[in-house]
C-alpha atoms as a PDB file:
ATOM      1  CA  MET A   1      28.185  -8.516  -9.188  1.00  0.00           C
ATOM      2  CA  ALA A   2      29.837  -5.368  -7.895  1.00  0.00           C
ATOM      3  CA  ARG A   3      32.347  -3.584 -10.101  1.00  0.00           C
ATOM      4  CA  LEU A   4      34.342  -2.680  -7.005  1.00  0.00           C
ATOM      5  CA  LYS A   5      35.575  -5.387  -4.714  1.00  0.00           C
ATOM      6  CA  PRO A   6      34.052  -5.049  -1.246  1.00  0.00           C
ATOM      7  CA  LEU A   7      36.663  -4.643   1.463  1.00  0.00           C
ATOM      8  CA  THR A   8      37.089  -6.985   4.388  1.00  0.00           C
ATOM      9  CA  VAL A   9      37.775  -5.729   7.901  1.00  0.00           C
ATOM     10  CA  ALA A  10      41.499  -6.364   7.368  1.00  0.00           C
ATOM     11  CA  GLU A  11      41.543  -4.429   4.066  1.00  0.00           C
ATOM     12  CA  ALA A  12      39.450  -1.475   5.245  1.00  0.00           C
ATOM     13  CA  PRO A  13      40.876   1.850   6.385  1.00  0.00           C
ATOM     14  CA  PRO A  14      41.149   2.090  10.181  1.00  0.00           C
ATOM     15  CA  ALA A  15      38.196   4.497  10.441  1.00  0.00           C
ATOM     16  CA  ALA A  16      35.888   2.009   8.702  1.00  0.00           C
ATOM     17  CA  ARG A  17      36.889  -1.107  10.650  1.00  0.00           C
ATOM     18  CA  PRO A  18      34.615  -0.613  13.693  1.00  0.00           C
ATOM     19  CA  VAL A  19      31.594  -0.147  11.428  1.00  0.00           C
ATOM     20  CA  LEU A  20      32.452  -3.288   9.458  1.00  0.00           C
ATOM     21  CA  GLN A  21      32.987  -5.245  12.671  1.00  0.00           C
ATOM     22  CA  ARG A  22      29.584  -4.187  14.011  1.00  0.00           C
ATOM     23  CA  ALA A  23      27.881  -5.111  10.727  1.00  0.00           C
ATOM     24  CA  GLU A  24      29.581  -8.505  10.690  1.00  0.00           C
ATOM     25  CA  ALA A  25      28.661  -9.151  14.325  1.00  0.00           C
ATOM     26  CA  ALA A  26      25.021  -8.237  13.662  1.00  0.00           C
ATOM     27  CA  THR A  27      24.487 -10.293  10.502  1.00  0.00           C
ATOM     28  CA  GLY A  28      27.354 -12.762  10.350  1.00  0.00           C
ATOM     29  CA  ARG A  29      28.761 -11.200   7.199  1.00  0.00           C
ATOM     30  CA  ILE A  30      29.646  -7.884   5.601  1.00  0.00           C
ATOM     31  CA  SER A  31      27.261  -6.981   2.782  1.00  0.00           C
ATOM     32  CA  ASP A  32      28.736  -5.903  -0.546  1.00  0.00           C
ATOM     33  CA  GLY A  33      27.307  -2.398  -0.136  1.00  0.00           C
ATOM     34  CA  ILE A  34      28.940  -1.859   3.232  1.00  0.00           C
ATOM     35  CA  GLY A  35      32.192  -3.382   2.010  1.00  0.00           C
ATOM     36  CA  ILE A  36      32.258  -1.028  -0.969  1.00  0.00           C
ATOM     37  CA  GLN A  37      31.337   2.019   1.110  1.00  0.00           C
ATOM     38  CA  ALA A  38      34.231   1.145   3.416  1.00  0.00           C
ATOM     39  CA  ARG A  39      36.557   2.486   0.717  1.00  0.00           C
ATOM     40  CA  CYS A  40      35.471   5.945   1.908  1.00  0.00           C
ATOM     41  CA  PRO A  41      34.883   5.840   5.676  1.00  0.00           C
ATOM     42  CA  GLU A  42      33.066   9.196   5.674  1.00  0.00           C
ATOM     43  CA  VAL A  43      30.475   7.851   3.222  1.00  0.00           C
ATOM     44  CA  LEU A  44      30.152   4.590   5.159  1.00  0.00           C
ATOM     45  CA  ILE A  45      29.586   6.341   8.473  1.00  0.00           C
ATOM     46  CA  ALA A  46      27.070   8.807   6.976  1.00  0.00           C
ATOM     47  CA  SER A  47      25.216   5.995   5.210  1.00  0.00           C
ATOM     48  CA  ARG A  48      24.935   3.898   8.371  1.00  0.00           C
ATOM     49  CA  ALA A  49      23.684   6.927  10.318  1.00  0.00           C
ATOM     50  CA  LEU A  50      21.068   7.620   7.639  1.00  0.00           C
ATOM     51  CA  ASN A  51      19.944   3.985   7.671  1.00  0.00           C
ATOM     52  CA  ALA A  52      19.543   4.082  11.448  1.00  0.00           C
ATOM     53  CA  MET A  53      17.397   7.230  11.564  1.00  0.00           C
ATOM     54  CA  PRO A  54      13.962   5.653  10.940  1.00  0.00           C
ATOM     55  CA  ALA A  55      14.437   3.440  14.007  1.00  0.00           C
ATOM     56  CA  LYS A  56      15.757   6.295  16.137  1.00  0.00           C
ATOM     57  CA  SER A  57      13.007   8.713  15.140  1.00  0.00           C
ATOM     58  CA  GLY A  58      10.316   6.595  16.755  1.00  0.00           C
ATOM     59  CA  THR A  59       7.741   7.749  14.206  1.00  0.00           C
ATOM     60  CA  LEU A  60       7.097   4.291  12.757  1.00  0.00           C
ATOM     61  CA  PRO A  61       6.475   1.056  14.633  1.00  0.00           C
ATOM     62  CA  ALA A  62       9.130  -1.628  14.066  1.00  0.00           C
ATOM     63  CA  GLU A  63       6.705  -3.801  12.056  1.00  0.00           C
ATOM     64  CA  ILE A  64       5.967  -0.985   9.608  1.00  0.00           C
ATOM     65  CA  ARG A  65       9.684  -0.125   9.260  1.00  0.00           C
ATOM     66  CA  GLY A  66      10.362  -3.752   8.359  1.00  0.00           C
ATOM     67  CA  LEU A  67       7.616  -3.726   5.745  1.00  0.00           C
ATOM     68  CA  VAL A  68       8.890  -0.444   4.298  1.00  0.00           C
ATOM     69  CA  CYS A  69      12.398  -1.899   3.990  1.00  0.00           C
ATOM     70  CA  LEU A  70      11.051  -5.046   2.370  1.00  0.00           C
ATOM     71  CA  ARG A  71       8.971  -3.074  -0.135  1.00  0.00           C
ATOM     72  CA  ALA A  72      11.881  -0.787  -0.987  1.00  0.00           C
ATOM     73  CA  ALA A  73      14.074  -3.845  -1.610  1.00  0.00           C
ATOM     74  CA  GLN A  74      11.390  -5.324  -3.863  1.00  0.00           C
ATOM     75  CA  MET A  75      11.110  -2.093  -5.824  1.00  0.00           C
ATOM     76  CA  ILE A  76      14.819  -2.111  -6.638  1.00  0.00           C
ATOM     77  CA  THR A  77      14.812  -5.881  -7.248  1.00  0.00           C
ATOM     78  CA  CYS A  78      17.149  -6.550  -4.348  1.00  0.00           C
ATOM     79  CA  PRO A  79      17.469 -10.321  -3.804  1.00  0.00           C
ATOM     80  CA  PHE A  80      17.526  -9.798  -0.020  1.00  0.00           C
END
Protein backbone atom coordinates (compact mmCIF):
# COMPACT_ATOMS: atom_id res chain seq x y z
CA MET A 1 0.00 0.00 0.00
CA ALA A 2 1.28 3.43 -0.93
CA ARG A 3 2.01 5.93 1.82
CA LEU A 4 0.80 8.71 -0.45
CA LYS A 5 -2.67 8.59 -1.88
CA PRO A 6 -2.58 8.40 -5.68
CA LEU A 7 -4.40 11.28 -7.32
CA THR A 8 -7.33 10.90 -9.67
CA VAL A 9 -7.69 12.97 -12.82
CA ALA A 10 -10.01 15.36 -10.96
CA GLU A 11 -7.55 15.78 -8.06
CA ALA A 12 -4.41 16.18 -10.18
CA PRO A 13 -2.83 19.51 -11.07
CA PRO A 14 -3.86 20.73 -14.53
CA ALA A 15 -0.44 19.93 -16.05
CA ALA A 16 -0.72 16.27 -14.99
CA ARG A 17 -4.30 15.65 -16.15
CA PRO A 18 -3.57 14.88 -19.83
CA VAL A 19 -0.96 12.30 -18.83
CA LEU A 20 -3.36 10.66 -16.38
CA GLN A 21 -6.13 10.65 -18.99
CA ARG A 22 -3.86 8.95 -21.54
CA ALA A 23 -2.77 6.33 -18.99
CA GLU A 24 -6.37 5.63 -18.02
CA ALA A 25 -7.44 5.37 -21.66
CA ALA A 26 -4.60 2.95 -22.41
CA THR A 27 -5.06 0.59 -19.46
CA GLY A 28 -8.51 1.32 -18.06
CA ARG A 29 -7.11 2.61 -14.79
CA ILE A 30 -4.47 4.89 -13.32
CA SER A 31 -1.68 2.93 -11.62
CA ASP A 32 -0.65 3.95 -8.11
CA GLY A 33 2.79 5.01 -9.34
CA ILE A 34 1.40 7.36 -11.96
CA GLY A 35 -1.19 8.70 -9.53
CA ILE A 36 1.51 9.46 -6.96
CA GLN A 37 3.84 11.02 -9.52
CA ALA A 38 0.96 13.27 -10.57
CA ARG A 39 1.57 15.25 -7.37
CA CYS A 40 4.58 16.72 -9.20
CA PRO A 41 3.73 17.07 -12.91
CA GLU A 42 7.38 17.65 -13.88
CA VAL A 43 8.37 14.29 -12.37
CA LEU A 44 5.38 12.55 -13.96
CA ILE A 45 6.14 13.91 -17.42
CA ALA A 46 9.86 13.08 -17.15
CA SER A 47 9.09 9.58 -15.88
CA ARG A 48 6.66 8.84 -18.72
CA ALA A 49 9.20 10.11 -21.27
CA LEU A 50 11.89 7.89 -19.76
CA ASN A 51 9.57 4.88 -19.83
CA ALA A 52 8.79 5.49 -23.49
CA MET A 53 12.40 5.72 -24.67
CA PRO A 54 13.13 1.98 -25.13
CA ALA A 55 10.24 1.74 -27.60
CA LYS A 56 11.22 4.94 -29.41
CA SER A 57 14.89 4.02 -29.68
CA GLY A 58 14.16 1.05 -31.92
CA THR A 59 17.17 -0.84 -30.57
CA LEU A 60 15.15 -3.72 -29.10
CA PRO A 61 12.36 -5.68 -30.75
CA ALA A 62 8.97 -5.34 -29.02
CA GLU A 63 9.08 -8.96 -27.79
CA ILE A 64 12.42 -8.43 -26.04
CA ARG A 65 11.24 -5.12 -24.50
CA GLY A 66 8.24 -6.95 -23.07
CA LEU A 67 10.45 -9.66 -21.60
CA VAL A 68 12.82 -7.06 -20.13
CA CYS A 69 9.89 -5.28 -18.47
CA LEU A 70 8.54 -8.55 -17.12
CA ARG A 71 11.93 -9.57 -15.71
CA ALA A 72 12.46 -6.16 -14.12
CA ALA A 73 9.04 -6.42 -12.47
CA GLN A 74 9.91 -9.88 -11.17
CA MET A 75 13.20 -8.64 -9.76
CA ILE A 76 11.46 -5.97 -7.70
CA THR A 77 8.62 -8.34 -6.76
CA CYS A 78 6.03 -6.26 -8.57
CA PRO A 79 2.68 -8.12 -8.60
CA PHE A 80 2.00 -6.90 -12.15
